[in-house]
PDB file of N, CA and C in Angstrom:
ATOM      1  N   UNK A   1     116.855  58.075  23.869  1.00  0.00           N
ATOM      2  CA  UNK A   1     115.928  57.884  24.943  1.00  0.00           C
ATOM      3  C   UNK A   1     115.017  59.100  25.017  1.00  0.00           C
ATOM      4  N   UNK A   2     113.739  58.911  24.911  1.00  0.00           N
ATOM      5  CA  UNK A   2     112.773  59.983  25.063  1.00  0.00           C
ATOM      6  C   UNK A   2     112.257  59.991  26.487  1.00  0.00           C
ATOM      7  N   UNK A   3     112.065  61.182  27.016  1.00  0.00           N
ATOM      8  CA  UNK A   3     111.511  61.312  28.347  1.00  0.00           C
ATOM      9  C   UNK A   3     110.006  61.157  28.244  1.00  0.00           C
ATOM     10  N   UNK A   4     109.470  60.204  28.931  1.00  0.00           N
ATOM     11  CA  UNK A   4     108.029  59.975  28.903  1.00  0.00           C
ATOM     12  C   UNK A   4     107.443  60.420  30.230  1.00  0.00           C
ATOM     13  N   UNK A   5     106.516  61.351  30.179  1.00  0.00           N
ATOM     14  CA  UNK A   5     105.836  61.815  31.374  1.00  0.00           C
ATOM     15  C   UNK A   5     104.382  61.410  31.278  1.00  0.00           C
ATOM     16  N   UNK A   6     103.765  61.210  32.404  1.00  0.00           N
ATOM     17  CA  UNK A   6     102.409  60.673  32.410  1.00  0.00           C
ATOM     18  C   UNK A   6     101.355  61.715  32.097  1.00  0.00           C
ATOM     19  N   UNK A   7     101.649  62.994  32.305  1.00  0.00           N
ATOM     20  CA  UNK A   7     100.616  63.994  32.027  1.00  0.00           C
ATOM     21  C   UNK A   7     100.844  64.622  30.659  1.00  0.00           C
ATOM     22  N   UNK A   8      99.905  65.429  30.233  1.00  0.00           N
ATOM     23  CA  UNK A   8     100.014  66.054  28.918  1.00  0.00           C
ATOM     24  C   UNK A   8     100.138  67.567  29.045  1.00  0.00           C
ATOM     25  N   UNK A   9     100.820  68.035  30.095  1.00  0.00           N
ATOM     26  CA  UNK A   9     101.029  69.465  30.290  1.00  0.00           C
ATOM     27  C   UNK A   9     101.912  70.004  29.173  1.00  0.00           C
ATOM     28  N   UNK A  10     101.862  71.333  28.955  1.00  0.00           N
ATOM     29  CA  UNK A  10     102.732  71.915  27.931  1.00  0.00           C
ATOM     30  C   UNK A  10     104.195  71.588  28.162  1.00  0.00           C
ATOM     31  N   UNK A  11     104.612  71.564  29.429  1.00  0.00           N
ATOM     32  CA  UNK A  11     106.010  71.246  29.731  1.00  0.00           C
ATOM     33  C   UNK A  11     106.336  69.819  29.319  1.00  0.00           C
ATOM     34  N   UNK A  12     105.470  68.882  29.643  1.00  0.00           N
ATOM     35  CA  UNK A  12     105.704  67.482  29.285  1.00  0.00           C
ATOM     36  C   UNK A  12     105.770  67.312  27.778  1.00  0.00           C
ATOM     37  N   UNK A  13     104.814  67.918  27.096  1.00  0.00           N
ATOM     38  CA  UNK A  13     104.805  67.797  25.629  1.00  0.00           C
ATOM     39  C   UNK A  13     106.053  68.429  25.047  1.00  0.00           C
ATOM     40  N   UNK A  14     106.492  69.568  25.607  1.00  0.00           N
ATOM     41  CA  UNK A  14     107.672  70.232  25.076  1.00  0.00           C
ATOM     42  C   UNK A  14     108.929  69.410  25.331  1.00  0.00           C
ATOM     43  N   UNK A  15     109.061  68.872  26.534  1.00  0.00           N
ATOM     44  CA  UNK A  15     110.247  68.080  26.838  1.00  0.00           C
ATOM     45  C   UNK A  15     110.306  66.805  26.003  1.00  0.00           C
ATOM     46  N   UNK A  16     109.174  66.314  25.568  1.00  0.00           N
ATOM     47  CA  UNK A  16     109.144  65.143  24.705  1.00  0.00           C
ATOM     48  C   UNK A  16     109.287  65.518  23.236  1.00  0.00           C
ATOM     49  N   UNK A  17     109.359  66.796  22.949  1.00  0.00           N
ATOM     50  CA  UNK A  17     109.423  67.266  21.573  1.00  0.00           C
ATOM     51  C   UNK A  17     110.848  67.211  21.041  1.00  0.00           C
ATOM     52  N   UNK A  18     111.021  67.773  19.873  1.00  0.00           N
ATOM     53  CA  UNK A  18     112.334  67.758  19.220  1.00  0.00           C
ATOM     54  C   UNK A  18     113.375  68.564  19.976  1.00  0.00           C
ATOM     55  N   UNK A  19     112.953  69.431  20.934  1.00  0.00           N
ATOM     56  CA  UNK A  19     113.910  70.225  21.691  1.00  0.00           C
ATOM     57  C   UNK A  19     114.550  69.435  22.823  1.00  0.00           C
ATOM     58  N   UNK A  20     113.980  68.306  23.134  1.00  0.00           N
ATOM     59  CA  UNK A  20     114.546  67.455  24.174  1.00  0.00           C
ATOM     60  C   UNK A  20     115.730  66.704  23.582  1.00  0.00           C
ATOM     61  N   UNK A  21     116.863  66.817  24.218  1.00  0.00           N
ATOM     62  CA  UNK A  21     118.062  66.140  23.758  1.00  0.00           C
ATOM     63  C   UNK A  21     117.938  64.660  24.077  1.00  0.00           C
ATOM     64  N   UNK A  22     117.688  63.845  23.045  1.00  0.00           N
ATOM     65  CA  UNK A  22     117.434  62.424  23.283  1.00  0.00           C
ATOM     66  C   UNK A  22     118.664  61.663  23.757  1.00  0.00           C
ATOM     67  N   UNK A  23     119.834  62.293  23.719  1.00  0.00           N
ATOM     68  CA  UNK A  23     121.032  61.631  24.207  1.00  0.00           C
ATOM     69  C   UNK A  23     121.353  62.052  25.639  1.00  0.00           C
ATOM     70  N   UNK A  24     120.623  63.006  26.145  1.00  0.00           N
ATOM     71  CA  UNK A  24     120.887  63.518  27.495  1.00  0.00           C
ATOM     72  C   UNK A  24     120.153  62.692  28.527  1.00  0.00           C
ATOM     73  N   UNK A  25     120.861  62.329  29.555  1.00  0.00           N
ATOM     74  CA  UNK A  25     120.223  61.641  30.670  1.00  0.00           C
ATOM     75  C   UNK A  25     120.044  62.599  31.832  1.00  0.00           C
ATOM     76  N   UNK A  26     120.375  63.853  31.630  1.00  0.00           N
ATOM     77  CA  UNK A  26     120.309  64.840  32.684  1.00  0.00           C
ATOM     78  C   UNK A  26     119.086  65.730  32.448  1.00  0.00           C
ATOM     79  N   UNK A  27     118.009  65.473  33.175  1.00  0.00           N
ATOM     80  CA  UNK A  27     116.769  66.220  32.989  1.00  0.00           C
ATOM     81  C   UNK A  27     116.967  67.695  33.306  1.00  0.00           C
ATOM     82  N   UNK A  28     117.813  68.014  34.288  1.00  0.00           N
ATOM     83  CA  UNK A  28     118.059  69.420  34.616  1.00  0.00           C
ATOM     84  C   UNK A  28     118.655  70.163  33.431  1.00  0.00           C
ATOM     85  N   UNK A  29     119.560  69.517  32.736  1.00  0.00           N
ATOM     86  CA  UNK A  29     120.167  70.123  31.553  1.00  0.00           C
ATOM     87  C   UNK A  29     119.113  70.339  30.471  1.00  0.00           C
ATOM     88  N   UNK A  30     118.246  69.381  30.291  1.00  0.00           N
ATOM     89  CA  UNK A  30     117.192  69.497  29.289  1.00  0.00           C
ATOM     90  C   UNK A  30     116.202  70.604  29.637  1.00  0.00           C
ATOM     91  N   UNK A  31     115.849  70.706  30.907  1.00  0.00           N
ATOM     92  CA  UNK A  31     114.942  71.776  31.339  1.00  0.00           C
ATOM     93  C   UNK A  31     115.617  73.126  31.133  1.00  0.00           C
ATOM     94  N   UNK A  32     116.895  73.221  31.454  1.00  0.00           N
ATOM     95  CA  UNK A  32     117.619  74.481  31.259  1.00  0.00           C
ATOM     96  C   UNK A  32     117.667  74.851  29.775  1.00  0.00           C
ATOM     97  N   UNK A  33     117.880  73.872  28.904  1.00  0.00           N
ATOM     98  CA  UNK A  33     117.854  74.127  27.460  1.00  0.00           C
ATOM     99  C   UNK A  33     116.478  74.608  27.020  1.00  0.00           C
ATOM    100  N   UNK A  34     115.439  74.024  27.602  1.00  0.00           N
ATOM    101  CA  UNK A  34     114.076  74.406  27.276  1.00  0.00           C
ATOM    102  C   UNK A  34     113.811  75.839  27.737  1.00  0.00           C
ATOM    103  N   UNK A  35     114.253  76.172  28.940  1.00  0.00           N
ATOM    104  CA  UNK A  35     114.100  77.539  29.447  1.00  0.00           C
ATOM    105  C   UNK A  35     114.806  78.523  28.519  1.00  0.00           C
ATOM    106  N   UNK A  36     116.013  78.166  28.121  1.00  0.00           N
ATOM    107  CA  UNK A  36     116.787  79.031  27.232  1.00  0.00           C
ATOM    108  C   UNK A  36     116.044  79.242  25.911  1.00  0.00           C
ATOM    109  N   UNK A  37     115.455  78.188  25.390  1.00  0.00           N
ATOM    110  CA  UNK A  37     114.687  78.298  24.144  1.00  0.00           C
ATOM    111  C   UNK A  37     113.555  79.310  24.301  1.00  0.00           C
ATOM    112  N   UNK A  38     112.765  79.184  25.383  1.00  0.00           N
ATOM    113  CA  UNK A  38     111.623  80.083  25.572  1.00  0.00           C
ATOM    114  C   UNK A  38     112.076  81.505  25.851  1.00  0.00           C
ATOM    115  N   UNK A  39     113.178  81.682  26.566  1.00  0.00           N
ATOM    116  CA  UNK A  39     113.702  83.027  26.810  1.00  0.00           C
ATOM    117  C   UNK A  39     114.112  83.688  25.495  1.00  0.00           C
ATOM    118  N   UNK A  40     114.756  82.930  24.619  1.00  0.00           N
ATOM    119  CA  UNK A  40     115.146  83.455  23.308  1.00  0.00           C
ATOM    120  C   UNK A  40     113.915  83.764  22.460  1.00  0.00           C
ATOM    121  N   UNK A  41     112.923  82.904  22.510  1.00  0.00           N
ATOM    122  CA  UNK A  41     111.691  83.123  21.762  1.00  0.00           C
ATOM    123  C   UNK A  41     110.982  84.390  22.242  1.00  0.00           C
ATOM    124  N   UNK A  42     110.906  84.567  23.546  1.00  0.00           N
ATOM    125  CA  UNK A  42     110.272  85.758  24.125  1.00  0.00           C
ATOM    126  C   UNK A  42     111.040  87.014  23.714  1.00  0.00           C
ATOM    127  N   UNK A  43     112.350  86.951  23.790  1.00  0.00           N
ATOM    128  CA  UNK A  43     113.180  88.090  23.403  1.00  0.00           C
ATOM    129  C   UNK A  43     112.937  88.468  21.938  1.00  0.00           C
ATOM    130  N   UNK A  44     112.897  87.481  21.053  1.00  0.00           N
ATOM    131  CA  UNK A  44     112.652  87.742  19.639  1.00  0.00           C
ATOM    132  C   UNK A  44     111.274  88.356  19.421  1.00  0.00           C
ATOM    133  N   UNK A  45     110.248  87.761  20.029  1.00  0.00           N
ATOM    134  CA  UNK A  45     108.880  88.240  19.821  1.00  0.00           C
ATOM    135  C   UNK A  45     108.689  89.657  20.364  1.00  0.00           C
ATOM    136  N   UNK A  46     109.290  89.946  21.510  1.00  0.00           N
ATOM    137  CA  UNK A  46     109.200  91.305  22.050  1.00  0.00           C
ATOM    138  C   UNK A  46     109.898  92.304  21.130  1.00  0.00           C
ATOM    139  N   UNK A  47     111.048  91.921  20.597  1.00  0.00           N
ATOM    140  CA  UNK A  47     111.755  92.788  19.653  1.00  0.00           C
ATOM    141  C   UNK A  47     110.920  92.985  18.384  1.00  0.00           C
ATOM    142  N   UNK A  48     110.316  91.912  17.916  1.00  0.00           N
ATOM    143  CA  UNK A  48     109.451  91.996  16.721  1.00  0.00           C
ATOM    144  C   UNK A  48     108.301  92.950  16.966  1.00  0.00           C
ATOM    145  N   UNK A  49     107.665  92.837  18.123  1.00  0.00           N
ATOM    146  CA  UNK A  49     106.532  93.705  18.455  1.00  0.00           C
ATOM    147  C   UNK A  49     106.957  95.165  18.640  1.00  0.00           C
ATOM    148  N   UNK A  50     108.207  95.378  19.025  1.00  0.00           N
ATOM    149  CA  UNK A  50     108.730  96.735  19.209  1.00  0.00           C
ATOM    150  C   UNK A  50     109.283  97.327  17.921  1.00  0.00           C
ATOM    151  N   UNK A  51     109.146  96.600  16.811  1.00  0.00           N
ATOM    152  CA  UNK A  51     109.575  97.110  15.510  1.00  0.00           C
ATOM    153  C   UNK A  51     111.049  96.982  15.228  1.00  0.00           C
ATOM    154  N   UNK A  52     111.761  96.200  16.030  1.00  0.00           N
ATOM    155  CA  UNK A  52     113.205  96.047  15.840  1.00  0.00           C
ATOM    156  C   UNK A  52     113.565  95.177  14.639  1.00  0.00           C
ATOM    157  N   UNK A  53     112.584  94.508  14.059  1.00  0.00           N
ATOM    158  CA  UNK A  53     112.813  93.662  12.883  1.00  0.00           C
ATOM    159  C   UNK A  53     112.016  94.188  11.699  1.00  0.00           C
ATOM    160  N   UNK A  54     111.828  95.475  11.662  1.00  0.00           N
ATOM    161  CA  UNK A  54     111.084  96.097  10.573  1.00  0.00           C
ATOM    162  C   UNK A  54     109.622  96.297  10.944  1.00  0.00           C
ATOM    163  N   UNK A  55     108.898  96.847   9.999  1.00  0.00           N
ATOM    164  CA  UNK A  55     107.486  97.123  10.242  1.00  0.00           C
ATOM    165  C   UNK A  55     106.708  95.832  10.423  1.00  0.00           C
ATOM    166  N   UNK A  56     105.626  95.939  11.184  1.00  0.00           N
ATOM    167  CA  UNK A  56     104.798  94.773  11.468  1.00  0.00           C
ATOM    168  C   UNK A  56     103.344  95.175  11.224  1.00  0.00           C
ATOM    169  N   UNK A  57     102.652  94.396  10.395  1.00  0.00           N
ATOM    170  CA  UNK A  57     101.250  94.723  10.115  1.00  0.00           C
ATOM    171  C   UNK A  57     100.350  94.175  11.216  1.00  0.00           C
ATOM    172  N   UNK A  58      99.080  94.547  11.162  1.00  0.00           N
ATOM    173  CA  UNK A  58      98.139  94.172  12.225  1.00  0.00           C
ATOM    174  C   UNK A  58      98.020  92.661  12.401  1.00  0.00           C
ATOM    175  N   UNK A  59      97.988  91.932  11.293  1.00  0.00           N
ATOM    176  CA  UNK A  59      97.861  90.468  11.371  1.00  0.00           C
ATOM    177  C   UNK A  59      99.097  89.838  12.022  1.00  0.00           C
ATOM    178  N   UNK A  60     100.275  90.302  11.608  1.00  0.00           N
ATOM    179  CA  UNK A  60     101.511  89.797  12.215  1.00  0.00           C
ATOM    180  C   UNK A  60     101.593  90.174  13.690  1.00  0.00           C
ATOM    181  N   UNK A  61     101.172  91.396  14.023  1.00  0.00           N
ATOM    182  CA  UNK A  61     101.191  91.838  15.419  1.00  0.00           C
ATOM    183  C   UNK A  61     100.316  90.930  16.273  1.00  0.00           C
ATOM    184  N   UNK A  62      99.130  90.635  15.775  1.00  0.00           N
ATOM    185  CA  UNK A  62      98.212  89.768  16.514  1.00  0.00           C
ATOM    186  C   UNK A  62      98.822  88.373  16.716  1.00  0.00           C
ATOM    187  N   UNK A  63      99.434  87.833  15.672  1.00  0.00           N
ATOM    188  CA  UNK A  63     100.077  86.515  15.773  1.00  0.00           C
ATOM    189  C   UNK A  63     101.238  86.541  16.758  1.00  0.00           C
ATOM    190  N   UNK A  64     102.043  87.588  16.702  1.00  0.00           N
ATOM    191  CA  UNK A  64     103.180  87.703  17.620  1.00  0.00           C
ATOM    192  C   UNK A  64     102.719  87.862  19.061  1.00  0.00           C
ATOM    193  N   UNK A  65     101.660  88.629  19.275  1.00  0.00           N
ATOM    194  CA  UNK A  65     101.143  88.806  20.634  1.00  0.00           C
ATOM    195  C   UNK A  65     100.654  87.479  21.203  1.00  0.00           C
ATOM    196  N   UNK A  66      99.967  86.685  20.381  1.00  0.00           N
ATOM    197  CA  UNK A  66      99.488  85.381  20.832  1.00  0.00           C
ATOM    198  C   UNK A  66     100.673  84.435  21.095  1.00  0.00           C
ATOM    199  N   UNK A  67     101.646  84.437  20.199  1.00  0.00           N
ATOM    200  CA  UNK A  67     102.830  83.597  20.381  1.00  0.00           C
ATOM    201  C   UNK A  67     103.602  84.007  21.636  1.00  0.00           C
ATOM    202  N   UNK A  68     103.690  85.303  21.896  1.00  0.00           N
ATOM    203  CA  UNK A  68     104.381  85.789  23.093  1.00  0.00           C
ATOM    204  C   UNK A  68     103.663  85.332  24.353  1.00  0.00           C
ATOM    205  N   UNK A  69     102.357  85.402  24.352  1.00  0.00           N
ATOM    206  CA  UNK A  69     101.569  84.944  25.499  1.00  0.00           C
ATOM    207  C   UNK A  69     101.847  83.460  25.767  1.00  0.00           C
ATOM    208  N   UNK A  70     101.830  82.651  24.724  1.00  0.00           N
ATOM    209  CA  UNK A  70     102.064  81.209  24.857  1.00  0.00           C
ATOM    210  C   UNK A  70     103.499  80.942  25.328  1.00  0.00           C
ATOM    211  N   UNK A  71     104.455  81.655  24.756  1.00  0.00           N
ATOM    212  CA  UNK A  71     105.857  81.464  25.146  1.00  0.00           C
ATOM    213  C   UNK A  71     106.057  81.784  26.626  1.00  0.00           C
ATOM    214  N   UNK A  72     105.436  82.855  27.098  1.00  0.00           N
ATOM    215  CA  UNK A  72     105.559  83.217  28.515  1.00  0.00           C
ATOM    216  C   UNK A  72     104.902  82.173  29.409  1.00  0.00           C
ATOM    217  N   UNK A  73     103.769  81.638  28.980  1.00  0.00           N
ATOM    218  CA  UNK A  73     103.107  80.575  29.741  1.00  0.00           C
ATOM    219  C   UNK A  73     103.981  79.327  29.796  1.00  0.00           C
ATOM    220  N   UNK A  74     104.581  78.977  28.668  1.00  0.00           N
ATOM    221  CA  UNK A  74     105.449  77.794  28.633  1.00  0.00           C
ATOM    222  C   UNK A  74     106.671  77.973  29.522  1.00  0.00           C
ATOM    223  N   UNK A  75     107.264  79.164  29.509  1.00  0.00           N
ATOM    224  CA  UNK A  75     108.421  79.418  30.363  1.00  0.00           C
ATOM    225  C   UNK A  75     107.996  79.336  31.837  1.00  0.00           C
ATOM    226  N   UNK A  76     106.869  79.919  32.161  1.00  0.00           N
ATOM    227  CA  UNK A  76     106.403  79.902  33.559  1.00  0.00           C
ATOM    228  C   UNK A  76     106.077  78.496  34.033  1.00  0.00           C
ATOM    229  N   UNK A  77     105.747  77.601  33.131  1.00  0.00           N
ATOM    230  CA  UNK A  77     105.380  76.239  33.526  1.00  0.00           C
ATOM    231  C   UNK A  77     106.581  75.361  33.869  1.00  0.00           C
ATOM    232  N   UNK A  78     107.778  75.858  33.589  1.00  0.00           N
ATOM    233  CA  UNK A  78     108.987  75.052  33.863  1.00  0.00           C
ATOM    234  C   UNK A  78     109.436  75.185  35.291  1.00  0.00           C
TER     235      UNK A  78
END
């Protein structure tokens, strides 16, 4: 069962994505899983930007900064 929402917000698109547990009927559980995903993504990207995963070149830094911005927006939208 896929969750179908009427709007096309980032949250709706994400919950309808592969991260949504199609066997779960508990939307709260799915939202919590989604929050956990974005928290882990933010943690990784911040560590990457802080050099905890080795050196980072300017192009990678720019990509990580943009990804971090998007991840934080997605988490805030939940």
